[in-house]
């Protein structure tokens, strides 16, 4: 579920600080069934823009599609 800005918990963690706690939280959310397509922002793109490489790597390892298109048809690759 997205907040008023249209961001899910997954996106907010991707945009947050590059910490091991955020990396763990992303893994737990994904294990619990979080949908990386639940909003118009690609979580891998959000992590790259925020230089949150731990979360970016976790999302990629979990299997989030790095070519998942955003609202403005941008992909990180």
Protein backbone atom coordinates (compact mmCIF):
# COMPACT_ATOMS: atom_id res chain seq x y z
CA UNK A 1 0.00 0.00 0.00
CA UNK A 2 1.34 3.42 -0.94
CA UNK A 3 1.41 6.56 1.18
CA UNK A 4 0.01 9.96 0.13
CA UNK A 5 3.04 10.53 -2.08
CA UNK A 6 2.45 7.24 -3.86
CA UNK A 7 5.46 5.53 -2.30
CA UNK A 8 5.42 2.06 -0.80
CA UNK A 9 7.54 0.91 2.15
CA UNK A 10 9.86 -0.76 -0.33
CA UNK A 11 10.47 2.52 -2.17
CA UNK A 12 10.96 4.47 1.06
CA UNK A 13 13.60 1.95 2.17
CA UNK A 14 15.28 2.11 -1.24
CA UNK A 15 15.51 5.90 -0.92
CA UNK A 16 16.74 5.78 2.69
CA UNK A 17 20.25 5.53 4.09
CA UNK A 18 22.60 2.81 2.85
CA UNK A 19 22.51 0.64 6.00
CA UNK A 20 22.41 -3.06 6.77
CA UNK A 21 19.15 -2.52 8.68
CA UNK A 22 17.44 -1.17 5.57
CA UNK A 23 18.85 -4.06 3.54
CA UNK A 24 17.40 -6.53 6.06
CA UNK A 25 14.05 -4.72 6.09
CA UNK A 26 13.84 -4.95 2.29
CA UNK A 27 14.58 -8.66 2.39
CA UNK A 28 11.88 -9.16 5.05
CA UNK A 29 9.32 -7.14 3.10
CA UNK A 30 10.02 -9.12 -0.06
CA UNK A 31 9.84 -12.42 1.84
CA UNK A 32 6.47 -11.30 3.24
CA UNK A 33 5.19 -10.70 -0.29
CA UNK A 34 5.81 -7.01 -1.01
CA UNK A 35 5.16 -6.24 -4.67
CA UNK A 36 7.94 -4.19 -6.31
CA UNK A 37 5.40 -3.13 -8.96
CA UNK A 38 2.97 -1.67 -6.41
CA UNK A 39 3.78 1.90 -7.41
CA UNK A 40 5.08 3.71 -10.46
CA UNK A 41 8.68 3.83 -9.20
CA UNK A 42 11.14 1.01 -9.82
CA UNK A 43 12.68 0.19 -6.41
CA UNK A 44 16.06 -0.60 -8.00
CA UNK A 45 16.08 2.80 -9.73
CA UNK A 46 15.14 4.49 -6.43
CA UNK A 47 18.01 2.71 -4.65
CA UNK A 48 20.52 3.67 -7.36
CA UNK A 49 19.44 7.33 -7.30
CA UNK A 50 19.83 7.35 -3.50
CA UNK A 51 23.20 5.55 -3.75
CA UNK A 52 21.73 2.83 -1.57
CA UNK A 53 23.78 0.03 -3.04
CA UNK A 54 23.06 -2.50 -0.28
CA UNK A 55 19.33 -2.32 -0.96
CA UNK A 56 19.90 -2.25 -4.72
CA UNK A 57 21.99 -5.42 -4.53
CA UNK A 58 19.41 -7.12 -2.29
CA UNK A 59 16.55 -6.28 -4.64
CA UNK A 60 18.52 -7.61 -7.60
CA UNK A 61 19.51 -10.81 -5.75
CA UNK A 62 15.89 -11.39 -4.71
CA UNK A 63 14.85 -11.19 -8.35
CA UNK A 64 13.32 -7.74 -8.83
CA UNK A 65 13.44 -6.97 -12.55
CA UNK A 66 15.95 -4.14 -13.13
CA UNK A 67 14.17 -3.35 -16.40
CA UNK A 68 10.84 -2.82 -14.67
CA UNK A 69 9.57 0.31 -16.39
CA UNK A 70 8.65 3.39 -14.41
CA UNK A 71 5.82 5.82 -15.03
CA UNK A 72 8.13 7.87 -17.26
CA UNK A 73 9.46 4.75 -19.03
CA UNK A 74 12.89 4.94 -17.41
CA UNK A 75 14.80 1.89 -16.34
CA UNK A 76 18.06 1.74 -14.44
CA UNK A 77 19.67 -0.37 -17.16
